[in-house]
N, C-alpha and C. Protein backbone atom coordinates (compact mmCIF):
# COMPACT_ATOMS: atom_id res chain seq x y z
N UNK A 1 39.32 -57.43 -111.08
CA UNK A 1 38.77 -57.18 -110.42
C UNK A 1 37.19 -56.74 -110.64
N UNK A 2 37.01 -56.16 -111.76
CA UNK A 2 35.21 -55.29 -112.16
C UNK A 2 34.53 -56.80 -112.75
N UNK A 3 34.59 -57.41 -112.25
CA UNK A 3 33.68 -58.89 -113.10
C UNK A 3 33.51 -59.33 -111.42
N UNK A 4 34.52 -59.15 -110.71
CA UNK A 4 33.41 -59.90 -109.32
C UNK A 4 32.71 -59.01 -108.40
N UNK A 5 32.69 -57.20 -109.28
CA UNK A 5 32.01 -56.85 -108.00
C UNK A 5 30.92 -56.21 -109.18
N UNK A 6 31.05 -56.53 -109.66
CA UNK A 6 29.53 -56.81 -110.92
C UNK A 6 28.17 -57.53 -110.29
N UNK A 7 29.44 -59.32 -110.30
CA UNK A 7 29.28 -60.09 -109.71
C UNK A 7 28.15 -59.93 -107.78
N UNK A 8 28.46 -59.37 -107.35
CA UNK A 8 28.70 -58.81 -105.83
C UNK A 8 27.89 -57.63 -106.81
N UNK A 9 28.14 -57.28 -106.65
CA UNK A 9 26.80 -55.23 -107.12
C UNK A 9 25.34 -56.69 -107.15
N UNK A 10 25.42 -57.29 -108.42
CA UNK A 10 24.38 -57.88 -108.90
C UNK A 10 23.05 -59.05 -107.51
N UNK A 11 24.59 -59.13 -107.19
CA UNK A 11 23.86 -60.15 -106.10
C UNK A 11 22.47 -59.09 -104.97
N UNK A 12 23.89 -58.30 -104.97
CA UNK A 12 23.76 -58.03 -103.48
C UNK A 12 22.24 -57.03 -103.72
N UNK A 13 21.19 -56.31 -105.27
CA UNK A 13 21.00 -55.79 -105.55
C UNK A 13 19.39 -57.04 -105.69
N UNK A 14 20.04 -58.04 -105.86
CA UNK A 14 18.67 -59.09 -107.15
C UNK A 14 18.30 -58.87 -104.97
N UNK A 15 18.49 -59.79 -104.29
CA UNK A 15 18.77 -60.60 -103.04
C UNK A 15 17.05 -60.06 -101.77
N UNK A 16 17.57 -58.50 -101.83
CA UNK A 16 16.53 -57.68 -100.94
C UNK A 16 16.21 -57.26 -101.45
N UNK A 17 15.51 -57.12 -103.02
CA UNK A 17 14.17 -56.72 -103.79
C UNK A 17 13.68 -58.05 -103.52
N UNK A 18 14.38 -58.89 -104.21
CA UNK A 18 13.44 -60.64 -104.21
C UNK A 18 12.57 -61.19 -102.88
N UNK A 19 13.89 -60.94 -101.47
CA UNK A 19 12.87 -61.85 -100.08
C UNK A 19 11.65 -61.64 -99.71
N UNK A 20 10.97 -60.41 -100.21
CA UNK A 20 9.91 -60.17 -99.96
C UNK A 20 8.38 -60.01 -101.09
N UNK A 21 9.31 -60.67 -102.79
CA UNK A 21 8.75 -60.37 -103.56
C UNK A 21 8.07 -61.88 -103.81
N UNK A 22 6.94 -61.83 -104.81
CA UNK A 22 6.24 -63.38 -105.42
C UNK A 22 7.43 -64.25 -105.67
N UNK A 23 8.86 -64.25 -106.06
CA UNK A 23 8.99 -65.28 -106.34
C UNK A 23 10.10 -65.79 -105.42
N UNK A 24 9.70 -65.41 -104.58
CA UNK A 24 10.11 -66.60 -103.13
C UNK A 24 8.89 -66.90 -102.55
N UNK A 25 7.90 -66.39 -102.08
CA UNK A 25 6.59 -66.86 -102.25
C UNK A 25 5.86 -68.41 -102.99
N UNK A 26 6.36 -67.65 -104.36
CA UNK A 26 5.87 -69.44 -105.44
C UNK A 26 6.64 -70.15 -105.36
N UNK A 27 7.58 -69.65 -104.45
CA UNK A 27 8.97 -70.95 -104.73
C UNK A 27 8.39 -71.32 -103.26
N UNK A 28 8.03 -70.92 -102.20
CA UNK A 28 7.27 -71.29 -101.16
C UNK A 28 6.49 -73.15 -100.84
N UNK A 29 5.68 -71.28 -101.56
CA UNK A 29 4.13 -72.23 -101.91
C UNK A 29 4.30 -73.82 -103.17
N UNK A 30 4.99 -73.56 -103.94
CA UNK A 30 5.43 -74.75 -104.97
C UNK A 30 6.22 -76.21 -103.29
N UNK A 31 7.39 -75.77 -102.23
CA UNK A 31 8.13 -77.03 -101.45
C UNK A 31 7.04 -76.97 -101.10
N UNK A 32 5.59 -76.83 -101.07
CA UNK A 32 4.41 -77.94 -99.47
C UNK A 32 3.89 -78.33 -100.35
N UNK A 33 4.11 -78.50 -101.87
CA UNK A 33 2.97 -78.82 -102.75
C UNK A 33 3.79 -79.97 -103.39
N UNK A 34 4.87 -80.14 -104.18
CA UNK A 34 6.00 -80.85 -104.47
C UNK A 34 7.08 -81.16 -103.43
N UNK A 35 8.13 -81.54 -104.32
CA UNK A 35 9.03 -82.39 -103.45
C UNK A 35 10.23 -81.69 -103.59
N UNK A 36 11.08 -81.16 -102.19
CA UNK A 36 12.15 -79.75 -102.31
C UNK A 36 12.37 -79.47 -103.22
N UNK A 37 13.72 -80.76 -103.46
CA UNK A 37 14.34 -80.15 -104.94
C UNK A 37 14.49 -80.64 -106.61
N UNK A 38 13.45 -81.13 -106.63
CA UNK A 38 12.89 -80.76 -108.11
C UNK A 38 11.88 -78.69 -108.24
N UNK A 39 11.53 -78.97 -106.99
CA UNK A 39 10.79 -77.59 -107.68
C UNK A 39 12.03 -76.08 -107.32
N UNK A 40 13.52 -76.47 -106.78
CA UNK A 40 14.53 -75.48 -107.01
C UNK A 40 15.54 -75.83 -107.90
N UNK A 41 15.04 -76.77 -108.48
CA UNK A 41 15.26 -76.88 -109.90
C UNK A 41 14.85 -76.01 -110.86
N UNK A 42 13.68 -76.67 -111.02
CA UNK A 42 12.83 -75.88 -112.24
C UNK A 42 12.06 -74.72 -111.95
N UNK A 43 12.79 -74.17 -110.22
CA UNK A 43 12.36 -72.26 -110.96
C UNK A 43 14.19 -71.97 -110.97
N UNK A 44 14.38 -72.47 -110.40
CA UNK A 44 16.77 -71.88 -110.03
C UNK A 44 16.72 -71.92 -112.42
N UNK A 45 16.21 -72.74 -113.14
CA UNK A 45 16.00 -72.72 -114.01
C UNK A 45 15.34 -71.97 -115.32
N UNK A 46 13.62 -71.31 -114.17
CA UNK A 46 13.16 -70.59 -114.73
C UNK A 46 14.15 -68.97 -114.51
N UNK A 47 14.86 -68.79 -113.79
CA UNK A 47 16.09 -67.80 -112.77
C UNK A 47 16.59 -67.38 -113.98
N UNK A 48 17.38 -68.25 -114.27
CA UNK A 48 18.56 -68.25 -115.84
C UNK A 48 18.04 -68.28 -117.01
N UNK A 49 16.54 -68.79 -116.95
CA UNK A 49 16.10 -67.68 -118.23
C UNK A 49 15.74 -66.91 -118.40
N UNK A 50 14.98 -66.22 -117.32
CA UNK A 50 14.15 -64.86 -117.36
C UNK A 50 15.76 -63.60 -116.85
N UNK A 51 17.24 -64.40 -116.64
CA UNK A 51 18.07 -63.59 -115.99
C UNK A 51 19.11 -62.78 -117.68
N UNK A 52 18.78 -64.17 -118.46
CA UNK A 52 19.44 -63.41 -119.70
C UNK A 52 18.50 -62.99 -120.55
N UNK A 53 16.94 -63.31 -120.56
CA UNK A 53 16.94 -62.23 -121.20
C UNK A 53 16.98 -60.53 -121.18
N UNK A 54 16.50 -60.28 -119.06
CA UNK A 54 16.90 -59.29 -118.88
C UNK A 54 18.43 -58.93 -119.31
N UNK A 55 19.71 -59.29 -119.48
CA UNK A 55 20.92 -59.65 -119.94
C UNK A 55 20.91 -59.01 -120.90
N UNK A 56 20.14 -59.79 -122.19
CA UNK A 56 20.39 -59.08 -123.28
C UNK A 56 19.36 -57.77 -123.33
N UNK A 57 18.68 -57.63 -122.85
CA UNK A 57 17.91 -56.09 -122.97
C UNK A 57 18.50 -54.68 -122.44
N UNK A 58 19.24 -55.41 -121.59
CA UNK A 58 20.66 -54.37 -120.78
C UNK A 58 21.12 -53.88 -121.74
N UNK A 59 22.29 -55.13 -122.18
CA UNK A 59 22.52 -54.74 -123.75
C UNK A 59 22.57 -54.32 -125.55
N UNK A 60 20.73 -54.16 -124.98
CA UNK A 60 21.03 -53.95 -126.40
C UNK A 60 20.57 -52.22 -125.76
N UNK A 61 20.12 -51.56 -124.50
CA UNK A 61 19.90 -49.92 -124.58
C UNK A 61 21.10 -50.04 -124.25
N UNK A 62 22.34 -50.25 -124.02
CA UNK A 62 23.45 -50.04 -123.84
C UNK A 62 23.78 -49.60 -125.01
N UNK A 63 23.76 -49.93 -126.37
CA UNK A 63 24.27 -49.87 -127.41
C UNK A 63 23.49 -48.44 -127.85
N UNK A 64 23.13 -48.21 -127.10
CA UNK A 64 22.05 -46.84 -127.30
C UNK A 64 22.86 -45.48 -126.62
N UNK A 65 22.96 -44.22 -127.49
CA UNK A 65 24.14 -42.79 -126.44
C UNK A 65 24.17 -43.52 -125.07
N UNK A 66 25.14 -43.01 -124.64
CA UNK A 66 25.47 -42.99 -123.90
C UNK A 66 24.54 -42.29 -121.67
N UNK A 67 24.71 -41.19 -122.52
CA UNK A 67 23.83 -40.54 -121.47
C UNK A 67 22.63 -40.47 -121.63
N UNK A 68 21.41 -40.90 -122.51
CA UNK A 68 19.75 -41.08 -122.45
C UNK A 68 20.11 -42.54 -121.35
N UNK A 69 20.85 -42.80 -121.80
CA UNK A 69 21.22 -45.09 -121.67
C UNK A 69 21.42 -44.78 -119.73
N UNK A 70 22.59 -43.90 -119.47
CA UNK A 70 22.36 -43.82 -118.05
C UNK A 70 21.60 -42.74 -117.13
N UNK A 71 20.00 -42.37 -118.10
CA UNK A 71 19.52 -41.37 -117.48
C UNK A 71 18.41 -42.34 -117.11
N UNK A 72 18.24 -43.48 -118.08
CA UNK A 72 16.78 -44.02 -118.36
C UNK A 72 17.57 -45.78 -116.55
N UNK A 73 19.16 -46.20 -116.46
CA UNK A 73 19.12 -46.99 -115.76
C UNK A 73 18.73 -46.12 -114.25
N UNK A 74 19.28 -44.77 -114.62
CA UNK A 74 19.16 -44.07 -112.96
C UNK A 74 17.72 -43.98 -112.49
N UNK A 75 16.92 -44.27 -114.11
CA UNK A 75 15.70 -44.24 -113.32
C UNK A 75 15.26 -45.39 -113.06
N UNK A 76 15.13 -46.79 -113.67
CA UNK A 76 14.75 -47.59 -113.64
C UNK A 76 15.41 -47.70 -111.53
N UNK A 77 16.94 -47.63 -111.28
CA UNK A 77 16.63 -48.17 -110.25
C UNK A 77 15.77 -47.21 -109.19
N UNK A 78 16.01 -46.11 -109.77
CA UNK A 78 15.01 -44.77 -108.77
C UNK A 78 13.35 -45.04 -108.64
N UNK A 79 12.95 -45.66 -109.53
CA UNK A 79 11.42 -46.70 -109.84
C UNK A 79 11.77 -47.42 -109.05
N UNK A 80 12.86 -48.70 -108.26
CA UNK A 80 13.36 -49.82 -107.57
C UNK A 80 13.18 -48.71 -106.69
N UNK A 81 13.36 -48.00 -106.16
CA UNK A 81 13.82 -47.81 -104.47
C UNK A 81 12.01 -47.12 -103.93
N UNK A 82 10.88 -46.57 -104.86
CA UNK A 82 10.23 -45.74 -104.57
C UNK A 82 9.13 -46.97 -104.51
N UNK A 83 9.42 -48.03 -105.83
CA UNK A 83 7.82 -49.04 -105.15
C UNK A 83 8.10 -49.87 -104.69
N UNK A 84 9.95 -50.19 -103.26
CA UNK A 84 10.03 -51.01 -102.60
C UNK A 84 9.70 -49.94 -100.68
N UNK A 85 9.99 -48.67 -101.24
CA UNK A 85 9.40 -47.63 -100.12
C UNK A 85 7.88 -47.66 -99.66
N UNK A 86 7.69 -47.50 -100.69
CA UNK A 86 5.28 -48.06 -101.06
C UNK A 86 4.92 -49.08 -100.25
N UNK A 87 5.48 -50.02 -100.65
CA UNK A 87 5.29 -52.01 -100.65
C UNK A 87 5.22 -51.59 -98.57
N UNK A 88 6.99 -51.28 -98.40
CA UNK A 88 7.59 -51.46 -97.15
C UNK A 88 6.32 -51.69 -96.72
N UNK A 89 5.58 -51.07 -95.95
CA UNK A 89 4.73 -50.70 -94.68
C UNK A 89 4.19 -51.77 -94.70
N UNK A 90 3.61 -52.70 -95.66
CA UNK A 90 2.25 -53.10 -95.90
C UNK A 90 3.33 -54.87 -96.43
N UNK A 91 3.86 -54.62 -96.15
CA UNK A 91 5.05 -56.21 -96.91
C UNK A 91 4.55 -57.05 -96.30
N UNK A 92 4.12 -57.38 -94.86
CA UNK A 92 3.70 -58.63 -94.31
C UNK A 92 1.54 -59.56 -95.35
N UNK A 93 1.54 -58.10 -95.16
CA UNK A 93 0.24 -58.17 -95.63
C UNK A 93 0.55 -59.12 -97.32
N UNK A 94 0.68 -58.27 -97.78
CA UNK A 94 1.05 -58.46 -99.32
C UNK A 94 1.51 -60.22 -99.32
N UNK A 95 2.27 -60.07 -98.33
CA UNK A 95 3.06 -60.89 -98.79
C UNK A 95 2.01 -62.42 -98.63
N UNK A 96 0.90 -61.83 -97.38
CA UNK A 96 -0.17 -63.21 -96.81
C UNK A 96 -1.44 -63.59 -98.96
N UNK A 97 -1.28 -62.23 -99.33
CA UNK A 97 -2.07 -62.15 -100.29
C UNK A 97 -1.64 -63.11 -101.36
N UNK A 98 -0.05 -62.15 -101.14
CA UNK A 98 0.43 -63.58 -102.67
C UNK A 98 0.65 -65.38 -102.96
N UNK A 99 0.65 -65.06 -101.22
CA UNK A 99 0.85 -66.92 -100.59
C UNK A 99 -1.33 -67.18 -100.70
N UNK A 100 -1.89 -66.29 -100.69
CA UNK A 100 -3.35 -67.39 -101.25
C UNK A 100 -3.27 -67.15 -102.50
N UNK A 101 -2.50 -66.62 -103.58
CA UNK A 101 -2.37 -66.43 -105.10
C UNK A 101 -2.30 -67.76 -105.19
N UNK A 102 -1.24 -68.15 -105.06
CA UNK A 102 -0.01 -68.49 -106.34
C UNK A 102 -0.42 -70.58 -104.76
N UNK A 103 -1.40 -70.19 -104.58
CA UNK A 103 -2.17 -71.52 -103.96
C UNK A 103 -3.37 -72.38 -104.69
N UNK A 104 -3.81 -70.38 -105.06
CA UNK A 104 -4.67 -71.15 -106.32
C UNK A 104 -4.36 -72.02 -107.77
N UNK A 105 -3.25 -71.48 -107.82
CA UNK A 105 -2.51 -71.85 -109.58
C UNK A 105 -2.35 -73.05 -108.43
N UNK A 106 -1.31 -73.41 -108.32
CA UNK A 106 -0.47 -74.76 -107.50
C UNK A 106 -1.86 -76.02 -107.70
N UNK A 107 -1.90 -76.52 -108.42
CA UNK A 107 -2.39 -78.00 -108.19
C UNK A 107 -2.15 -79.06 -107.08
N UNK A 108 -3.54 -78.92 -106.81
CA UNK A 108 -3.09 -79.89 -105.49
C UNK A 108 -2.43 -81.45 -104.90
N UNK A 109 -2.07 -81.98 -106.20
CA UNK A 109 -2.15 -82.92 -106.59
C UNK A 109 -0.37 -83.24 -106.60
N UNK A 110 0.34 -83.89 -106.29
CA UNK A 110 1.25 -84.45 -105.52
C UNK A 110 2.38 -84.93 -106.37
N UNK A 111 2.99 -84.51 -107.17
CA UNK A 111 4.11 -84.13 -108.03
C UNK A 111 5.27 -84.51 -107.67
N UNK A 112 6.37 -85.26 -108.52
CA UNK A 112 7.74 -85.57 -107.77
C UNK A 112 8.53 -85.47 -109.79
N UNK A 113 9.44 -85.52 -109.08
CA UNK A 113 10.58 -85.71 -110.31
C UNK A 113 10.65 -84.30 -111.36
N UNK A 114 10.47 -84.84 -112.36
CA UNK A 114 10.29 -83.73 -113.46
C UNK A 114 8.87 -83.43 -113.38
N UNK A 115 7.63 -83.73 -113.72
CA UNK A 115 6.70 -83.32 -113.48
C UNK A 115 6.41 -81.55 -112.28
N UNK A 116 7.05 -82.24 -111.56
CA UNK A 116 7.20 -80.84 -109.64
C UNK A 116 8.50 -80.92 -110.81
N UNK A 117 9.78 -80.01 -111.32
CA UNK A 117 10.22 -79.48 -112.25
C UNK A 117 9.51 -78.66 -112.57
N UNK A 118 9.32 -79.17 -113.86
CA UNK A 118 8.47 -78.64 -114.71
C UNK A 118 7.42 -77.46 -114.71
N UNK A 119 6.30 -77.93 -113.88
CA UNK A 119 5.59 -77.32 -112.93
C UNK A 119 6.06 -75.98 -112.84
N UNK A 120 7.25 -75.72 -111.67
CA UNK A 120 7.55 -75.16 -110.99
C UNK A 120 8.23 -73.94 -112.13
N UNK A 121 8.68 -75.01 -112.95
CA UNK A 121 9.61 -74.02 -113.82
C UNK A 121 8.79 -73.08 -115.07
N UNK A 122 8.03 -73.51 -114.75
CA UNK A 122 6.49 -72.61 -115.83
C UNK A 122 5.88 -71.39 -114.34
N UNK A 123 5.44 -71.95 -113.73
CA UNK A 123 4.64 -70.74 -113.04
C UNK A 123 5.99 -69.76 -112.35
N UNK A 124 6.86 -70.12 -112.12
CA UNK A 124 8.00 -69.00 -111.88
C UNK A 124 7.75 -68.26 -113.44
N UNK A 125 8.43 -69.27 -114.49
CA UNK A 125 8.31 -68.21 -116.35
C UNK A 125 7.00 -67.02 -115.73
N UNK A 126 6.46 -67.93 -115.68
CA UNK A 126 5.44 -66.91 -115.80
C UNK A 126 5.59 -65.08 -114.60
N UNK A 127 5.85 -65.77 -114.01
CA UNK A 127 5.01 -65.08 -112.84
C UNK A 127 6.24 -63.97 -112.91
N UNK A 128 7.52 -63.64 -113.01
CA UNK A 128 8.59 -63.01 -113.63
C UNK A 128 9.29 -62.35 -114.45
N UNK A 129 7.93 -61.88 -115.21
CA UNK A 129 8.09 -61.19 -116.25
C UNK A 129 7.29 -60.01 -116.56
N UNK A 130 8.32 -58.68 -116.16
CA UNK A 130 8.67 -57.80 -115.92
C UNK A 130 8.69 -57.20 -114.10
N UNK A 131 9.75 -58.13 -113.60
CA UNK A 131 9.55 -58.35 -112.02
C UNK A 131 10.70 -57.28 -112.07
N UNK A 132 10.83 -56.30 -110.80
CA UNK A 132 11.82 -55.38 -110.81
C UNK A 132 12.96 -55.98 -110.51
N UNK A 133 13.67 -57.36 -110.07
CA UNK A 133 14.80 -57.97 -110.54
C UNK A 133 15.01 -58.07 -111.73
N UNK A 134 13.59 -58.35 -112.61
CA UNK A 134 14.58 -58.06 -114.11
C UNK A 134 15.18 -56.37 -114.83
N UNK A 135 13.55 -55.73 -114.06
CA UNK A 135 14.27 -54.30 -115.06
C UNK A 135 15.73 -53.92 -114.08
N UNK A 136 15.95 -54.07 -112.85
CA UNK A 136 17.24 -54.13 -112.43
C UNK A 136 18.24 -54.75 -113.01
N UNK A 137 18.31 -55.89 -113.10
CA UNK A 137 19.49 -56.38 -114.43
C UNK A 137 19.35 -56.30 -115.47
N UNK A 138 18.49 -55.51 -116.76
CA UNK A 138 19.01 -54.49 -117.55
C UNK A 138 19.46 -53.46 -116.84
N UNK A 139 18.62 -52.94 -116.12
CA UNK A 139 19.73 -51.68 -115.92
C UNK A 139 21.04 -51.29 -115.50
N UNK A 140 21.91 -52.98 -114.73
CA UNK A 140 22.96 -52.38 -114.03
C UNK A 140 24.08 -52.90 -115.64
N UNK A 141 23.95 -53.75 -116.53
CA UNK A 141 23.85 -53.82 -117.56
C UNK A 141 23.61 -52.79 -118.32
N UNK A 142 22.59 -51.89 -118.94
CA UNK A 142 23.40 -50.46 -119.90
C UNK A 142 23.62 -50.27 -118.37
N UNK A 143 23.69 -49.88 -117.89
CA UNK A 143 25.02 -48.59 -117.20
C UNK A 143 26.59 -49.13 -116.89
N UNK A 144 26.30 -50.31 -116.95
CA UNK A 144 27.90 -50.80 -118.63
C UNK A 144 28.36 -51.79 -117.52
N UNK A 145 28.18 -51.98 -116.69
CA UNK A 145 28.61 -53.96 -115.79
C UNK A 145 28.23 -54.72 -116.96
N UNK A 146 29.99 -55.43 -116.72
CA UNK A 146 29.97 -56.79 -117.32
C UNK A 146 28.80 -57.63 -117.34
N UNK A 147 28.00 -58.25 -118.20
CA UNK A 147 26.99 -58.79 -118.32
C UNK A 147 27.28 -59.56 -118.30
N UNK A 148 27.55 -60.67 -118.72
CA UNK A 148 28.31 -61.88 -118.07
C UNK A 148 28.01 -61.69 -116.39
N UNK A 149 28.91 -60.91 -115.82
CA UNK A 149 29.48 -61.36 -114.49
C UNK A 149 27.66 -60.53 -113.92
N UNK A 150 26.61 -59.37 -114.28
CA UNK A 150 25.24 -59.44 -113.74
C UNK A 150 25.09 -60.49 -114.11
N UNK A 151 24.78 -61.30 -115.35
CA UNK A 151 23.45 -62.61 -115.05
C UNK A 151 23.78 -63.27 -113.90
N UNK A 152 25.65 -63.60 -113.84
CA UNK A 152 25.61 -64.68 -113.26
C UNK A 152 25.43 -63.94 -111.65
N UNK A 153 25.20 -63.04 -111.06
CA UNK A 153 25.25 -62.65 -110.00
C UNK A 153 23.28 -61.89 -109.66
N UNK A 154 23.02 -62.05 -111.15
CA UNK A 154 21.25 -61.97 -110.57
C UNK A 154 20.89 -63.89 -110.16
N UNK A 155 21.47 -64.17 -111.49
CA UNK A 155 21.23 -65.32 -111.30
C UNK A 155 21.70 -66.61 -109.67
N UNK A 156 22.70 -66.29 -109.06
CA UNK A 156 22.52 -66.08 -107.72
C UNK A 156 22.73 -65.80 -107.35
N UNK A 157 21.58 -64.74 -106.75
CA UNK A 157 20.80 -64.06 -106.12
C UNK A 157 19.15 -65.02 -105.94
N UNK A 158 19.02 -65.07 -106.85
CA UNK A 158 17.78 -65.85 -107.16
C UNK A 158 17.80 -67.52 -107.40
N UNK A 159 18.64 -67.44 -106.55
CA UNK A 159 18.62 -69.45 -107.21
C UNK A 159 18.74 -69.47 -105.63
N UNK A 160 19.83 -68.56 -104.60
CA UNK A 160 20.04 -68.45 -103.19
C UNK A 160 18.75 -67.67 -102.55
N UNK A 161 17.76 -66.94 -103.57
CA UNK A 161 15.92 -66.71 -102.63
C UNK A 161 15.44 -68.32 -102.33
N UNK A 162 15.67 -68.36 -104.13
CA UNK A 162 14.67 -70.08 -103.95
C UNK A 162 14.98 -70.97 -103.75
N UNK A 163 16.77 -71.05 -102.66
CA UNK A 163 16.34 -71.93 -101.34
C UNK A 163 16.70 -71.67 -100.13
N UNK A 164 16.32 -70.65 -99.83
CA UNK A 164 16.35 -69.97 -99.19
C UNK A 164 14.54 -70.78 -98.36
N UNK A 165 14.12 -70.05 -99.53
CA UNK A 165 11.87 -70.45 -99.79
C UNK A 165 11.60 -71.79 -99.57
N UNK A 166 13.03 -72.51 -100.07
CA UNK A 166 12.26 -74.31 -99.95
C UNK A 166 13.04 -74.80 -98.20
N UNK A 167 14.72 -74.07 -98.20
CA UNK A 167 14.34 -74.93 -97.32
C UNK A 167 14.12 -74.20 -95.36
N UNK A 168 13.81 -72.60 -95.66
CA UNK A 168 13.94 -72.66 -94.34
C UNK A 168 12.54 -71.01 -94.70
N UNK A 169 11.96 -71.05 -95.85
CA UNK A 169 11.25 -69.95 -95.60
C UNK A 169 9.75 -69.67 -94.30
N UNK A 170 9.08 -70.52 -94.72
CA UNK A 170 7.97 -70.37 -93.09
C UNK A 170 9.22 -70.58 -91.73
N UNK A 171 10.04 -70.68 -91.31
CA UNK A 171 10.83 -70.07 -90.08
C UNK A 171 11.49 -69.27 -90.74
N UNK A 172 11.71 -67.94 -91.74
CA UNK A 172 12.67 -66.76 -91.87
C UNK A 172 11.20 -65.99 -91.51
N UNK A 173 10.18 -66.45 -92.61
CA UNK A 173 9.62 -65.55 -93.18
C UNK A 173 8.63 -65.25 -90.80
N UNK A 174 8.98 -65.54 -89.62
CA UNK A 174 8.18 -65.78 -89.05
C UNK A 174 8.99 -64.76 -88.31
N UNK A 175 10.72 -64.59 -88.55
CA UNK A 175 11.66 -64.24 -87.48
C UNK A 175 11.94 -62.53 -88.39
N UNK A 176 11.78 -62.93 -89.90
CA UNK A 176 12.59 -61.42 -90.39
C UNK A 176 11.92 -61.17 -90.65
N UNK A 177 11.67 -59.27 -90.40
CA UNK A 177 10.54 -58.21 -90.54
C UNK A 177 10.76 -57.39 -92.95
N UNK A 178 9.68 -58.49 -93.25
CA UNK A 178 9.75 -58.23 -94.63
C UNK A 178 9.96 -56.87 -95.14
N UNK A 179 9.33 -55.48 -93.80
CA UNK A 179 9.66 -54.36 -94.50
C UNK A 179 10.68 -53.90 -94.30
N UNK A 180 11.55 -54.63 -93.15
CA UNK A 180 12.86 -53.97 -92.79
C UNK A 180 13.86 -54.01 -94.62
N UNK A 181 12.84 -55.61 -94.93
CA UNK A 181 14.76 -56.24 -96.20
C UNK A 181 13.66 -55.34 -97.68
N UNK A 182 12.41 -54.74 -97.46
CA UNK A 182 12.57 -54.25 -98.18
C UNK A 182 12.83 -52.65 -98.13
N UNK A 183 13.09 -52.06 -97.10
CA UNK A 183 13.62 -50.94 -96.69
C UNK A 183 15.26 -50.60 -97.22
N UNK A 184 15.87 -51.94 -96.91
CA UNK A 184 16.91 -52.21 -97.40
C UNK A 184 17.12 -52.02 -98.77
N UNK A 185 16.93 -53.04 -99.24
CA UNK A 185 16.59 -52.56 -101.44
C UNK A 185 15.96 -51.90 -101.84
N UNK A 186 15.50 -50.60 -100.45
CA UNK A 186 15.56 -49.59 -101.63
C UNK A 186 16.16 -48.72 -101.61
N UNK A 187 17.26 -49.07 -100.57
CA UNK A 187 18.14 -47.83 -100.29
C UNK A 187 19.31 -47.89 -100.94
N UNK A 188 19.63 -49.86 -101.15
CA UNK A 188 20.39 -50.27 -102.00
C UNK A 188 20.09 -49.46 -103.66
N UNK A 189 19.09 -49.75 -104.48
CA UNK A 189 18.73 -48.91 -105.29
C UNK A 189 18.20 -47.59 -105.42
N UNK A 190 18.64 -47.38 -104.28
CA UNK A 190 18.37 -45.55 -104.34
C UNK A 190 20.36 -44.47 -104.42
N UNK A 191 20.02 -45.52 -103.78
CA UNK A 191 22.57 -45.18 -104.23
C UNK A 191 22.90 -45.47 -105.80
N UNK A 192 22.24 -46.49 -105.95
CA UNK A 192 22.66 -47.29 -107.52
C UNK A 192 22.31 -45.76 -108.20
N UNK A 193 20.05 -45.13 -108.09
CA UNK A 193 20.21 -44.46 -108.93
C UNK A 193 21.26 -43.22 -108.57
N UNK A 194 21.82 -42.60 -107.53
CA UNK A 194 22.96 -41.62 -107.60
C UNK A 194 23.95 -41.43 -107.98
N UNK A 195 24.61 -42.14 -108.05
CA UNK A 195 25.41 -42.99 -108.91
C UNK A 195 25.15 -42.70 -109.96
N UNK A 196 24.15 -43.14 -110.59
CA UNK A 196 24.75 -43.11 -112.01
C UNK A 196 23.71 -41.89 -112.74
N UNK A 197 23.00 -41.47 -112.07
CA UNK A 197 23.49 -39.94 -112.84
C UNK A 197 24.56 -39.37 -112.73
N UNK A 198 25.16 -39.22 -111.52
CA UNK A 198 26.34 -38.13 -111.28
C UNK A 198 27.22 -39.38 -112.43
N UNK A 199 27.31 -39.80 -113.17
CA UNK A 199 28.26 -40.81 -114.30
C UNK A 199 28.08 -39.84 -115.34
N UNK A 200 26.44 -40.93 -115.11
CA UNK A 200 25.97 -39.88 -116.59
C UNK A 200 26.23 -37.74 -116.87
N UNK A 201 25.83 -37.56 -115.40
CA UNK A 201 26.05 -36.21 -115.79
C UNK A 201 28.01 -35.49 -115.70
N UNK A 202 28.71 -36.40 -115.43
CA UNK A 202 29.54 -35.99 -115.58
C UNK A 202 30.77 -36.42 -116.20
């Protein structure tokens, strides 16, 4: 049961954080340049490596004394909440700016198959370092959740976001308020920060 709770927690934390983020935008841009299938494979593999690194970092942090680690994890969640609230008001404008940025990075050449997957892997692998979802994934493991479960939930969340970008990206951006999504993500981070602080102090 605890394993499933950790998977769901990681998934629900990553999805609202990444939906309006550069992960979604980069995948959307890549899918307009290359075939969707190889794009999704490439970015999902990149996310797998990033999640593995984040979980390993969280596991190392968890080896330190418990109370400071819990407070650091709470600080990570709190920082995530603040960043999401601050960017919610200008979410749509930032999404357009990110889209222009990634369009300049992606070659106009139409690649297929392995080349498209490798190009997609490279773009997302570089873009995701130090990303909020990676920090929060490390925070969940540092907080004491099962590392394998956190990895599975975070990777599934990122894979779902990239699949949505490939299949429904343009339609979703037309009807979904990015500001609302970011406020939801901020609320989730805020709740986790409070719960973690309480656990550390008790």
